[in-house]
Amino acid sequence: MSEIKLAQGIFHVLPDDIENALKQEGVLIEKWNKLTPIQRNEWICWVTIVKKTETRVAHIHRLVDDIKSGKKQPCCWPGCPHRRESAKKWFSQS
């Protein structure tokens, strides 16, 4: 039996830590794959843009909970600064 693949974003590649978290439950895989590529990209960027490991872990836990509850994108997120020029102003250049 082949493993179900998780869909990617449009700019960011799905990192192993997010993939492993999503693979914990079949419902997460199904809901993740039903998101649009832009929505998946926003989640990936939202998790990976943080600098601290503990913040990234917290974002992954929230991603899992939010996807499970049906949310399609991170709340209060200005958007991926790597994809949207207008979102860059919300992120420090350091």
PDB file of N, CA and C in Angstrom:
ATOM      1  N   MET A   1       0.853  -1.179   0.000  1.00  0.00           N
ATOM      2  CA  MET A   1       0.000   0.000   0.000  1.00  0.00           C
ATOM      3  C   MET A   1       0.896   1.238   0.000  1.00  0.00           C
ATOM      4  N   SER A   2       0.608   2.173  -0.889  1.00  0.00           N
ATOM      5  CA  SER A   2       1.433   3.372  -0.984  1.00  0.00           C
ATOM      6  C   SER A   2       0.969   4.422   0.022  1.00  0.00           C
ATOM      7  N   GLU A   3       1.926   5.208   0.460  1.00  0.00           N
ATOM      8  CA  GLU A   3       1.652   6.255   1.429  1.00  0.00           C
ATOM      9  C   GLU A   3       1.017   7.446   0.720  1.00  0.00           C
ATOM     10  N   ILE A   4       0.043   8.071   1.380  1.00  0.00           N
ATOM     11  CA  ILE A   4      -0.602   9.252   0.821  1.00  0.00           C
ATOM     12  C   ILE A   4       0.375  10.414   0.904  1.00  0.00           C
ATOM     13  N   LYS A   5       0.522  11.133  -0.202  1.00  0.00           N
ATOM     14  CA  LYS A   5       1.435  12.272  -0.256  1.00  0.00           C
ATOM     15  C   LYS A   5       0.730  13.523   0.242  1.00  0.00           C
ATOM     16  N   LEU A   6       1.506  14.352   0.906  1.00  0.00           N
ATOM     17  CA  LEU A   6       1.009  15.652   1.338  1.00  0.00           C
ATOM     18  C   LEU A   6       1.338  16.673   0.258  1.00  0.00           C
ATOM     19  N   ALA A   7       0.353  17.486  -0.069  1.00  0.00           N
ATOM     20  CA  ALA A   7       0.529  18.502  -1.100  1.00  0.00           C
ATOM     21  C   ALA A   7       1.437  19.622  -0.588  1.00  0.00           C
ATOM     22  N   GLN A   8       2.104  20.285  -1.509  1.00  0.00           N
ATOM     23  CA  GLN A   8       3.040  21.365  -1.214  1.00  0.00           C
ATOM     24  C   GLN A   8       2.350  22.728  -1.301  1.00  0.00           C
ATOM     25  N   GLY A   9       3.094  23.764  -0.962  1.00  0.00           N
ATOM     26  CA  GLY A   9       2.647  25.138  -1.150  1.00  0.00           C
ATOM     27  C   GLY A   9       3.068  25.598  -2.542  1.00  0.00           C
ATOM     28  N   ILE A  10       2.921  26.883  -2.816  1.00  0.00           N
ATOM     29  CA  ILE A  10       3.312  27.384  -4.136  1.00  0.00           C
ATOM     30  C   ILE A  10       4.718  27.970  -4.142  1.00  0.00           C
ATOM     31  N   PHE A  11       5.220  28.303  -2.975  1.00  0.00           N
ATOM     32  CA  PHE A  11       6.564  28.883  -2.888  1.00  0.00           C
ATOM     33  C   PHE A  11       7.447  28.036  -1.983  1.00  0.00           C
ATOM     34  N   HIS A  12       6.921  27.670  -0.826  1.00  0.00           N
ATOM     35  CA  HIS A  12       7.681  26.935   0.175  1.00  0.00           C
ATOM     36  C   HIS A  12       7.486  25.430   0.037  1.00  0.00           C
ATOM     37  N   VAL A  13       8.559  24.701   0.318  1.00  0.00           N
ATOM     38  CA  VAL A  13       8.512  23.243   0.364  1.00  0.00           C
ATOM     39  C   VAL A  13       8.095  22.837   1.773  1.00  0.00           C
ATOM     40  N   LEU A  14       7.270  21.818   1.862  1.00  0.00           N
ATOM     41  CA  LEU A  14       6.792  21.332   3.152  1.00  0.00           C
ATOM     42  C   LEU A  14       7.951  20.709   3.937  1.00  0.00           C
ATOM     43  N   PRO A  15       8.342  21.307   5.081  1.00  0.00           N
ATOM     44  CA  PRO A  15       9.449  20.745   5.857  1.00  0.00           C
ATOM     45  C   PRO A  15       9.039  19.464   6.589  1.00  0.00           C
ATOM     46  N   ASP A  16      10.030  18.678   6.948  1.00  0.00           N
ATOM     47  CA  ASP A  16       9.786  17.387   7.588  1.00  0.00           C
ATOM     48  C   ASP A  16       9.002  17.504   8.890  1.00  0.00           C
ATOM     49  N   ASP A  17       9.278  18.528   9.707  1.00  0.00           N
ATOM     50  CA  ASP A  17       8.587  18.619  10.994  1.00  0.00           C
ATOM     51  C   ASP A  17       7.092  18.873  10.825  1.00  0.00           C
ATOM     52  N   ILE A  18       6.711  19.674   9.843  1.00  0.00           N
ATOM     53  CA  ILE A  18       5.281  19.890   9.580  1.00  0.00           C
ATOM     54  C   ILE A  18       4.681  18.625   8.984  1.00  0.00           C
ATOM     55  N   GLU A  19       5.378  18.017   8.046  1.00  0.00           N
ATOM     56  CA  GLU A  19       4.884  16.790   7.417  1.00  0.00           C
ATOM     57  C   GLU A  19       4.649  15.705   8.465  1.00  0.00           C
ATOM     58  N   ASN A  20       5.592  15.522   9.377  1.00  0.00           N
ATOM     59  CA  ASN A  20       5.436  14.507  10.417  1.00  0.00           C
ATOM     60  C   ASN A  20       4.239  14.793  11.318  1.00  0.00           C
ATOM     61  N   ALA A  21       4.023  16.057  11.650  1.00  0.00           N
ATOM     62  CA  ALA A  21       2.886  16.431  12.488  1.00  0.00           C
ATOM     63  C   ALA A  21       1.565  16.156  11.774  1.00  0.00           C
ATOM     64  N   LEU A  22       1.506  16.459  10.488  1.00  0.00           N
ATOM     65  CA  LEU A  22       0.279  16.244   9.722  1.00  0.00           C
ATOM     66  C   LEU A  22      -0.026  14.764   9.511  1.00  0.00           C
ATOM     67  N   LYS A  23       1.012  13.953   9.446  1.00  0.00           N
ATOM     68  CA  LYS A  23       0.831  12.522   9.207  1.00  0.00           C
ATOM     69  C   LYS A  23       0.380  11.752  10.451  1.00  0.00           C
ATOM     70  N   GLN A  24       0.250  12.425  11.577  1.00  0.00           N
ATOM     71  CA  GLN A  24      -0.174  11.757  12.803  1.00  0.00           C
ATOM     72  C   GLN A  24      -1.625  11.291  12.741  1.00  0.00           C
ATOM     73  N   GLU A  25      -2.430  11.963  11.928  1.00  0.00           N
ATOM     74  CA  GLU A  25      -3.845  11.605  11.810  1.00  0.00           C
ATOM     75  C   GLU A  25      -4.284  11.730  10.360  1.00  0.00           C
ATOM     76  N   GLY A  26      -5.003  10.725   9.884  1.00  0.00           N
ATOM     77  CA  GLY A  26      -5.480  10.723   8.505  1.00  0.00           C
ATOM     78  C   GLY A  26      -6.347  11.923   8.162  1.00  0.00           C
ATOM     79  N   VAL A  27      -7.136  12.383   9.124  1.00  0.00           N
ATOM     80  CA  VAL A  27      -8.011  13.529   8.860  1.00  0.00           C
ATOM     81  C   VAL A  27      -7.189  14.780   8.551  1.00  0.00           C
ATOM     82  N   LEU A  28      -6.023  14.899   9.164  1.00  0.00           N
ATOM     83  CA  LEU A  28      -5.159  16.057   8.900  1.00  0.00           C
ATOM     84  C   LEU A  28      -4.631  16.033   7.477  1.00  0.00           C
ATOM     85  N   ILE A  29      -4.228  14.860   7.020  1.00  0.00           N
ATOM     86  CA  ILE A  29      -3.738  14.723   5.643  1.00  0.00           C
ATOM     87  C   ILE A  29      -4.828  15.132   4.663  1.00  0.00           C
ATOM     88  N   GLU A  30      -6.024  14.628   4.889  1.00  0.00           N
ATOM     89  CA  GLU A  30      -7.146  14.938   4.000  1.00  0.00           C
ATOM     90  C   GLU A  30      -7.452  16.436   3.989  1.00  0.00           C
ATOM     91  N   LYS A  31      -7.521  17.037   5.162  1.00  0.00           N
ATOM     92  CA  LYS A  31      -7.832  18.469   5.244  1.00  0.00           C
ATOM     93  C   LYS A  31      -6.710  19.314   4.649  1.00  0.00           C
ATOM     94  N   TRP A  32      -5.449  18.934   4.909  1.00  0.00           N
ATOM     95  CA  TRP A  32      -4.306  19.655   4.352  1.00  0.00           C
ATOM     96  C   TRP A  32      -4.351  19.624   2.830  1.00  0.00           C
ATOM     97  N   ASN A  33      -4.564  18.467   2.269  1.00  0.00           N
ATOM     98  CA  ASN A  33      -4.566  18.325   0.814  1.00  0.00           C
ATOM     99  C   ASN A  33      -5.748  19.037   0.153  1.00  0.00           C
ATOM    100  N   LYS A  34      -6.800  19.313   0.901  1.00  0.00           N
ATOM    101  CA  LYS A  34      -7.947  20.047   0.349  1.00  0.00           C
ATOM    102  C   LYS A  34      -7.729  21.562   0.361  1.00  0.00           C
ATOM    103  N   LEU A  35      -6.715  22.027   1.105  1.00  0.00           N
ATOM    104  CA  LEU A  35      -6.407  23.460   1.084  1.00  0.00           C
ATOM    105  C   LEU A  35      -5.865  23.830  -0.290  1.00  0.00           C
ATOM    106  N   THR A  36      -6.006  25.089  -0.652  1.00  0.00           N
ATOM    107  CA  THR A  36      -5.418  25.541  -1.915  1.00  0.00           C
ATOM    108  C   THR A  36      -3.901  25.626  -1.750  1.00  0.00           C
ATOM    109  N   PRO A  37      -3.148  25.609  -2.844  1.00  0.00           N
ATOM    110  CA  PRO A  37      -1.694  25.750  -2.725  1.00  0.00           C
ATOM    111  C   PRO A  37      -1.287  27.043  -1.999  1.00  0.00           C
ATOM    112  N   ILE A  38      -2.020  28.114  -2.203  1.00  0.00           N
ATOM    113  CA  ILE A  38      -1.704  29.377  -1.529  1.00  0.00           C
ATOM    114  C   ILE A  38      -1.951  29.242  -0.020  1.00  0.00           C
ATOM    115  N   GLN A  39      -3.046  28.602   0.367  1.00  0.00           N
ATOM    116  CA  GLN A  39      -3.320  28.406   1.796  1.00  0.00           C
ATOM    117  C   GLN A  39      -2.238  27.542   2.443  1.00  0.00           C
ATOM    118  N   ARG A  40      -1.842  26.463   1.772  1.00  0.00           N
ATOM    119  CA  ARG A  40      -0.770  25.614   2.313  1.00  0.00           C
ATOM    120  C   ARG A  40       0.525  26.417   2.429  1.00  0.00           C
ATOM    121  N   ASN A  41       0.808  27.237   1.425  1.00  0.00           N
ATOM    122  CA  ASN A  41       2.008  28.078   1.449  1.00  0.00           C
ATOM    123  C   ASN A  41       1.992  29.010   2.658  1.00  0.00           C
ATOM    124  N   GLU A  42       0.850  29.606   2.957  1.00  0.00           N
ATOM    125  CA  GLU A  42       0.752  30.525   4.088  1.00  0.00           C
ATOM    126  C   GLU A  42       1.052  29.805   5.402  1.00  0.00           C
ATOM    127  N   TRP A  43       0.513  28.600   5.571  1.00  0.00           N
ATOM    128  CA  TRP A  43       0.784  27.827   6.783  1.00  0.00           C
ATOM    129  C   TRP A  43       2.273  27.496   6.892  1.00  0.00           C
ATOM    130  N   ILE A  44       2.869  27.035   5.794  1.00  0.00           N
ATOM    131  CA  ILE A  44       4.289  26.671   5.810  1.00  0.00           C
ATOM    132  C   ILE A  44       5.135  27.884   6.175  1.00  0.00           C
ATOM    133  N   CYS A  45       4.879  29.009   5.552  1.00  0.00           N
ATOM    134  CA  CYS A  45       5.643  30.224   5.824  1.00  0.00           C
ATOM    135  C   CYS A  45       5.443  30.666   7.268  1.00  0.00           C
ATOM    136  N   TRP A  46       4.220  30.623   7.749  1.00  0.00           N
ATOM    137  CA  TRP A  46       3.901  31.045   9.114  1.00  0.00           C
ATOM    138  C   TRP A  46       4.696  30.231  10.139  1.00  0.00           C
ATOM    139  N   VAL A  47       4.892  28.950   9.868  1.00  0.00           N
ATOM    140  CA  VAL A  47       5.663  28.096  10.778  1.00  0.00           C
ATOM    141  C   VAL A  47       7.161  28.342  10.621  1.00  0.00           C
ATOM    142  N   THR A  48       7.628  28.453   9.405  1.00  0.00           N
ATOM    143  CA  THR A  48       9.074  28.482   9.166  1.00  0.00           C
ATOM    144  C   THR A  48       9.725  29.852   9.320  1.00  0.00           C
ATOM    145  N   ILE A  49       8.963  30.922   9.331  1.00  0.00           N
ATOM    146  CA  ILE A  49       9.558  32.260   9.387  1.00  0.00           C
ATOM    147  C   ILE A  49      10.042  32.640  10.788  1.00  0.00           C
ATOM    148  N   VAL A  50       9.571  31.941  11.802  1.00  0.00           N
ATOM    149  CA  VAL A  50       9.969  32.283  13.176  1.00  0.00           C
ATOM    150  C   VAL A  50      11.413  31.882  13.428  1.00  0.00           C
ATOM    151  N   LYS A  51      12.044  32.541  14.403  1.00  0.00           N
ATOM    152  CA  LYS A  51      13.466  32.307  14.662  1.00  0.00           C
ATOM    153  C   LYS A  51      13.730  31.297  15.779  1.00  0.00           C
ATOM    154  N   LYS A  52      12.880  31.256  16.776  1.00  0.00           N
ATOM    155  CA  LYS A  52      13.104  30.385  17.928  1.00  0.00           C
ATOM    156  C   LYS A  52      12.477  29.008  17.710  1.00  0.00           C
ATOM    157  N   THR A  53      13.194  27.993  18.145  1.00  0.00           N
ATOM    158  CA  THR A  53      12.705  26.620  18.016  1.00  0.00           C
ATOM    159  C   THR A  53      11.390  26.426  18.767  1.00  0.00           C
ATOM    160  N   GLU A  54      11.306  26.982  19.979  1.00  0.00           N
ATOM    161  CA  GLU A  54      10.081  26.788  20.763  1.00  0.00           C
ATOM    162  C   GLU A  54       8.879  27.483  20.117  1.00  0.00           C
ATOM    163  N   THR A  55       9.111  28.584  19.434  1.00  0.00           N
ATOM    164  CA  THR A  55       8.018  29.256  18.723  1.00  0.00           C
ATOM    165  C   THR A  55       7.574  28.409  17.535  1.00  0.00           C
ATOM    166  N   ARG A  56       8.524  27.836  16.836  1.00  0.00           N
ATOM    167  CA  ARG A  56       8.199  26.971  15.698  1.00  0.00           C
ATOM    168  C   ARG A  56       7.386  25.769  16.158  1.00  0.00           C
ATOM    169  N   VAL A  57       7.785  25.153  17.263  1.00  0.00           N
ATOM    170  CA  VAL A  57       7.050  24.002  17.805  1.00  0.00           C
ATOM    171  C   VAL A  57       5.622  24.429  18.176  1.00  0.00           C
ATOM    172  N   ALA A  58       5.492  25.593  18.799  1.00  0.00           N
ATOM    173  CA  ALA A  58       4.158  26.098  19.156  1.00  0.00           C
ATOM    174  C   ALA A  58       3.318  26.349  17.906  1.00  0.00           C
ATOM    175  N   HIS A  59       3.926  26.875  16.858  1.00  0.00           N
ATOM    176  CA  HIS A  59       3.202  27.119  15.608  1.00  0.00           C
ATOM    177  C   HIS A  59       2.752  25.804  14.975  1.00  0.00           C
ATOM    178  N   ILE A  60       3.586  24.776  15.052  1.00  0.00           N
ATOM    179  CA  ILE A  60       3.192  23.480  14.488  1.00  0.00           C
ATOM    180  C   ILE A  60       2.001  22.909  15.255  1.00  0.00           C
ATOM    181  N   HIS A  61       2.034  23.019  16.584  1.00  0.00           N
ATOM    182  CA  HIS A  61       0.895  22.531  17.380  1.00  0.00           C
ATOM    183  C   HIS A  61      -0.377  23.304  17.028  1.00  0.00           C
ATOM    184  N   ARG A  62      -0.249  24.610  16.875  1.00  0.00           N
ATOM    185  CA  ARG A  62      -1.427  25.414  16.524  1.00  0.00           C
ATOM    186  C   ARG A  62      -1.904  25.083  15.111  1.00  0.00           C
ATOM    187  N   LEU A  63      -0.968  24.884  14.179  1.00  0.00           N
ATOM    188  CA  LEU A  63      -1.336  24.499  12.815  1.00  0.00           C
ATOM    189  C   LEU A  63      -2.172  23.230  12.844  1.00  0.00           C
ATOM    190  N   VAL A  64      -1.718  22.223  13.578  1.00  0.00           N
ATOM    191  CA  VAL A  64      -2.444  20.953  13.668  1.00  0.00           C
ATOM    192  C   VAL A  64      -3.845  21.177  14.230  1.00  0.00           C
ATOM    193  N   ASP A  65      -3.950  21.905  15.333  1.00  0.00           N
ATOM    194  CA  ASP A  65      -5.258  22.169  15.943  1.00  0.00           C
ATOM    195  C   ASP A  65      -6.168  22.961  15.006  1.00  0.00           C
ATOM    196  N   ASP A  66      -5.605  23.986  14.369  1.00  0.00           N
ATOM    197  CA  ASP A  66      -6.410  24.835  13.489  1.00  0.00           C
ATOM    198  C   ASP A  66      -6.862  24.086  12.235  1.00  0.00           C
ATOM    199  N   ILE A  67      -5.986  23.310  11.630  1.00  0.00           N
ATOM    200  CA  ILE A  67      -6.364  22.532  10.444  1.00  0.00           C
ATOM    201  C   ILE A  67      -7.442  21.526  10.825  1.00  0.00           C
ATOM    202  N   LYS A  68      -7.263  20.876  11.968  1.00  0.00           N
ATOM    203  CA  LYS A  68      -8.234  19.885  12.439  1.00  0.00           C
ATOM    204  C   LYS A  68      -9.610  20.515  12.636  1.00  0.00           C
ATOM    205  N   SER A  69      -9.627  21.772  13.109  1.00  0.00           N
ATOM    206  CA  SER A  69     -10.910  22.442  13.354  1.00  0.00           C
ATOM    207  C   SER A  69     -11.480  23.117  12.107  1.00  0.00           C
ATOM    208  N   GLY A  70     -10.757  23.018  10.982  1.00  0.00           N
ATOM    209  CA  GLY A  70     -11.296  23.525   9.729  1.00  0.00           C
ATOM    210  C   GLY A  70     -10.767  24.875   9.271  1.00  0.00           C
ATOM    211  N   LYS A  71      -9.845  25.453  10.003  1.00  0.00           N
ATOM    212  CA  LYS A  71      -9.294  26.742   9.569  1.00  0.00           C
ATOM    213  C   LYS A  71      -8.440  26.538   8.327  1.00  0.00           C
ATOM    214  N   LYS A  72      -8.455  27.527   7.468  1.00  0.00           N
ATOM    215  CA  LYS A  72      -7.770  27.412   6.186  1.00  0.00           C
ATOM    216  C   LYS A  72      -6.476  28.197   6.097  1.00  0.00           C
ATOM    217  N   GLN A  73      -6.265  29.136   7.020  1.00  0.00           N
ATOM    218  CA  GLN A  73      -5.025  29.907   7.015  1.00  0.00           C
ATOM    219  C   GLN A  73      -4.770  30.451   8.409  1.00  0.00           C
ATOM    220  N   PRO A  74      -3.523  30.836   8.685  1.00  0.00           N
ATOM    221  CA  PRO A  74      -3.207  31.357  10.017  1.00  0.00           C
ATOM    222  C   PRO A  74      -3.952  32.660  10.287  1.00  0.00           C
ATOM    223  N   CYS A  75      -4.454  32.779  11.495  1.00  0.00           N
ATOM    224  CA  CYS A  75      -5.175  33.982  11.904  1.00  0.00           C
ATOM    225  C   CYS A  75      -4.203  35.142  12.073  1.00  0.00           C
ATOM    226  N   CYS A  76      -4.634  36.299  11.683  1.00  0.00           N
ATOM    227  CA  CYS A  76      -3.877  37.539  11.900  1.00  0.00           C
ATOM    228  C   CYS A  76      -2.500  37.502  11.237  1.00  0.00           C
ATOM    229  N   TRP A  77      -2.388  36.882  10.121  1.00  0.00           N
ATOM    230  CA  TRP A  77      -1.140  36.718   9.378  1.00  0.00           C
ATOM    231  C   TRP A  77      -1.172  37.631   8.172  1.00  0.00           C
ATOM    232  N   PRO A  78      -0.205  38.537   8.011  1.00  0.00           N
ATOM    233  CA  PRO A  78      -0.233  39.472   6.880  1.00  0.00           C
ATOM    234  C   PRO A  78       0.058  38.803   5.536  1.00  0.00           C
ATOM    235  N   GLY A  79       0.505  37.567   5.565  1.00  0.00           N
ATOM    236  CA  GLY A  79       0.793  36.850   4.331  1.00  0.00           C
ATOM    237  C   GLY A  79       2.282  36.582   4.186  1.00  0.00           C
ATOM    238  N   CYS A  80       2.593  35.691   3.301  1.00  0.00           N
ATOM    239  CA  CYS A  80       3.967  35.276   3.076  1.00  0.00           C
ATOM    240  C   CYS A  80       4.777  36.430   2.481  1.00  0.00           C
ATOM    241  N   PRO A  81       5.796  36.917   3.202  1.00  0.00           N
ATOM    242  CA  PRO A  81       6.597  38.021   2.666  1.00  0.00           C
ATOM    243  C   PRO A  81       7.494  37.590   1.504  1.00  0.00           C
ATOM    244  N   HIS A  82       7.639  36.289   1.323  1.00  0.00           N
ATOM    245  CA  HIS A  82       8.449  35.779   0.217  1.00  0.00           C
ATOM    246  C   HIS A  82       7.659  35.785  -1.087  1.00  0.00           C
ATOM    247  N   ARG A  83       6.342  35.828  -0.961  1.00  0.00           N
ATOM    248  CA  ARG A  83       5.460  35.771  -2.121  1.00  0.00           C
ATOM    249  C   ARG A  83       4.764  37.102  -2.377  1.00  0.00           C
ATOM    250  N   ARG A  84       4.495  37.848  -1.312  1.00  0.00           N
ATOM    251  CA  ARG A  84       3.745  39.105  -1.430  1.00  0.00           C
ATOM    252  C   ARG A  84       4.604  40.284  -0.998  1.00  0.00           C
ATOM    253  N   GLU A  85       4.913  41.130  -1.899  1.00  0.00           N
ATOM    254  CA  GLU A  85       5.730  42.314  -1.616  1.00  0.00           C
ATOM    255  C   GLU A  85       5.110  43.162  -0.508  1.00  0.00           C
ATOM    256  N   SER A  86       3.792  43.299  -0.508  1.00  0.00           N
ATOM    257  CA  SER A  86       3.122  44.153   0.474  1.00  0.00           C
ATOM    258  C   SER A  86       3.219  43.599   1.903  1.00  0.00           C
ATOM    259  N   ALA A  87       3.498  42.324   2.062  1.00  0.00           N
ATOM    260  CA  ALA A  87       3.601  41.727   3.401  1.00  0.00           C
ATOM    261  C   ALA A  87       4.974  41.941   4.021  1.00  0.00           C
ATOM    262  N   LYS A  88       5.953  42.309   3.230  1.00  0.00           N
ATOM    263  CA  LYS A  88       7.324  42.461   3.736  1.00  0.00           C
ATOM    264  C   LYS A  88       7.437  43.516   4.824  1.00  0.00           C
ATOM    265  N   LYS A  89       6.592  44.532   4.781  1.00  0.00           N
ATOM    266  CA  LYS A  89       6.685  45.609   5.769  1.00  0.00           C
ATOM    267  C   LYS A  89       6.413  45.124   7.197  1.00  0.00           C
ATOM    268  N   TRP A  90       5.774  43.985   7.360  1.00  0.00           N
ATOM    269  CA  TRP A  90       5.429  43.470   8.672  1.00  0.00           C
ATOM    270  C   TRP A  90       6.553  42.644   9.301  1.00  0.00           C
ATOM    271  N   PHE A  91       7.617  42.410   8.576  1.00  0.00           N
ATOM    272  CA  PHE A  91       8.693  41.558   9.056  1.00  0.00           C
ATOM    273  C   PHE A  91      10.005  42.338   9.098  1.00  0.00           C
ATOM    274  N   SER A  92      10.765  42.130  10.173  1.00  0.00           N
ATOM    275  CA  SER A  92      12.046  42.833  10.288  1.00  0.00           C
ATOM    276  C   SER A  92      13.012  42.311   9.251  1.00  0.00           C
ATOM    277  N   GLN A  93      13.930  43.124   8.863  1.00  0.00           N
ATOM    278  CA  GLN A  93      14.895  42.765   7.834  1.00  0.00           C
ATOM    279  C   GLN A  93      16.112  42.050   8.413  1.00  0.00           C
ATOM    280  N   SER A  94      16.162  41.858   9.728  1.00  0.00           N
ATOM    281  CA  SER A  94      17.333  41.209  10.335  1.00  0.00           C
ATOM    282  C   SER A  94      17.303  39.716  10.193  1.00  0.00           C
TER     283      SER A  94
END
